């Protein structure tokens, strides 16, 4: 597997509204003690993607590409 430089394949514009909607749908939270491990890992992946997009949104703003 080849790891690519993020600058080689930039993401399209990420809107503030998209970030807010995803952050609302997949908020940071602790799992319930009765939650199945598989469900925890699945949710963890969803939340990791939200954090990734928040980071990318911040990078786009630093570069002055926010629309």
C-alpha atoms as a PDB file:
ATOM      1  CA  UNK A   1       0.000   0.000   0.000  1.00  0.00           C
ATOM      2  CA  UNK A   2       1.335   3.387  -0.999  1.00  0.00           C
ATOM      3  CA  UNK A   3       0.748   6.359   1.269  1.00  0.00           C
ATOM      4  CA  UNK A   4       0.080   9.466  -0.772  1.00  0.00           C
ATOM      5  CA  UNK A   5       0.797  13.051   0.111  1.00  0.00           C
ATOM      6  CA  UNK A   6      -2.466  14.821   1.028  1.00  0.00           C
ATOM      7  CA  UNK A   7      -1.521  17.786  -1.146  1.00  0.00           C
ATOM      8  CA  UNK A   8      -1.437  15.576  -4.255  1.00  0.00           C
ATOM      9  CA  UNK A   9      -5.168  14.858  -4.055  1.00  0.00           C
ATOM     10  CA  UNK A  10      -6.870  17.752  -2.263  1.00  0.00           C
ATOM     11  CA  UNK A  11     -10.464  17.333  -1.165  1.00  0.00           C
ATOM     12  CA  UNK A  12     -13.212  19.461  -2.674  1.00  0.00           C
ATOM     13  CA  UNK A  13     -14.440  22.389  -0.617  1.00  0.00           C
ATOM     14  CA  UNK A  14     -15.791  21.290   2.771  1.00  0.00           C
ATOM     15  CA  UNK A  15     -18.590  23.538   4.015  1.00  0.00           C
ATOM     16  CA  UNK A  16     -19.139  24.678   7.568  1.00  0.00           C
ATOM     17  CA  UNK A  17     -22.707  23.336   7.257  1.00  0.00           C
ATOM     18  CA  UNK A  18     -21.462  19.837   6.387  1.00  0.00           C
ATOM     19  CA  UNK A  19     -19.106  19.829   9.371  1.00  0.00           C
ATOM     20  CA  UNK A  20     -21.894  20.986  11.695  1.00  0.00           C
ATOM     21  CA  UNK A  21     -24.323  18.355  10.373  1.00  0.00           C
ATOM     22  CA  UNK A  22     -21.827  15.488  10.690  1.00  0.00           C
ATOM     23  CA  UNK A  23     -20.661  16.652  14.123  1.00  0.00           C
ATOM     24  CA  UNK A  24     -24.296  16.717  15.229  1.00  0.00           C
ATOM     25  CA  UNK A  25     -25.080  13.286  13.753  1.00  0.00           C
ATOM     26  CA  UNK A  26     -21.899  11.629  15.097  1.00  0.00           C
ATOM     27  CA  UNK A  27     -21.021  13.534  18.305  1.00  0.00           C
ATOM     28  CA  UNK A  28     -18.090  12.685  20.558  1.00  0.00           C
ATOM     29  CA  UNK A  29     -19.459  10.305  23.174  1.00  0.00           C
ATOM     30  CA  UNK A  30     -18.460   7.461  25.433  1.00  0.00           C
ATOM     31  CA  UNK A  31     -19.991   4.066  24.725  1.00  0.00           C
ATOM     32  CA  UNK A  32     -22.466   2.527  27.124  1.00  0.00           C
ATOM     33  CA  UNK A  33     -21.087  -0.410  29.102  1.00  0.00           C
ATOM     34  CA  UNK A  34     -23.586  -2.698  27.328  1.00  0.00           C
ATOM     35  CA  UNK A  35     -22.629  -1.607  23.799  1.00  0.00           C
ATOM     36  CA  UNK A  36     -21.251  -4.403  21.640  1.00  0.00           C
ATOM     37  CA  UNK A  37     -17.582  -4.070  20.723  1.00  0.00           C
ATOM     38  CA  UNK A  38     -18.384  -4.212  17.001  1.00  0.00           C
ATOM     39  CA  UNK A  39     -20.759  -1.248  17.344  1.00  0.00           C
ATOM     40  CA  UNK A  40     -18.097   0.706  19.267  1.00  0.00           C
ATOM     41  CA  UNK A  41     -15.510   0.140  16.518  1.00  0.00           C
ATOM     42  CA  UNK A  42     -18.008   1.091  13.800  1.00  0.00           C
ATOM     43  CA  UNK A  43     -18.929   4.333  15.572  1.00  0.00           C
ATOM     44  CA  UNK A  44     -15.270   5.041  16.241  1.00  0.00           C
ATOM     45  CA  UNK A  45     -14.605   4.910  12.493  1.00  0.00           C
ATOM     46  CA  UNK A  46     -17.481   7.268  11.772  1.00  0.00           C
ATOM     47  CA  UNK A  47     -16.225   9.722  14.364  1.00  0.00           C
ATOM     48  CA  UNK A  48     -12.659   9.455  13.064  1.00  0.00           C
ATOM     49  CA  UNK A  49     -13.920  10.551   9.647  1.00  0.00           C
ATOM     50  CA  UNK A  50     -15.704  13.552  11.194  1.00  0.00           C
ATOM     51  CA  UNK A  51     -12.490  14.557  13.000  1.00  0.00           C
ATOM     52  CA  UNK A  52     -10.562  14.145   9.728  1.00  0.00           C
ATOM     53  CA  UNK A  53     -13.006  16.412   7.878  1.00  0.00           C
ATOM     54  CA  UNK A  54     -12.862  19.002  10.678  1.00  0.00           C
ATOM     55  CA  UNK A  55      -9.070  19.016  10.303  1.00  0.00           C
ATOM     56  CA  UNK A  56      -9.325  19.345   6.518  1.00  0.00           C
ATOM     57  CA  UNK A  57     -11.846  22.179   6.910  1.00  0.00           C
ATOM     58  CA  UNK A  58      -9.387  23.999   9.176  1.00  0.00           C
ATOM     59  CA  UNK A  59      -6.585  23.491   6.627  1.00  0.00           C
ATOM     60  CA  UNK A  60      -8.756  24.865   3.841  1.00  0.00           C
ATOM     61  CA  UNK A  61      -9.470  27.947   5.941  1.00  0.00           C
ATOM     62  CA  UNK A  62      -5.780  28.429   6.720  1.00  0.00           C
ATOM     63  CA  UNK A  63      -5.089  28.391   2.986  1.00  0.00           C
ATOM     64  CA  UNK A  64      -7.902  30.858   2.342  1.00  0.00           C
ATOM     65  CA  UNK A  65      -9.953  28.451   0.252  1.00  0.00           C
ATOM     66  CA  UNK A  66     -13.178  28.633   2.291  1.00  0.00           C
ATOM     67  CA  UNK A  67     -16.151  29.627   0.174  1.00  0.00           C
END
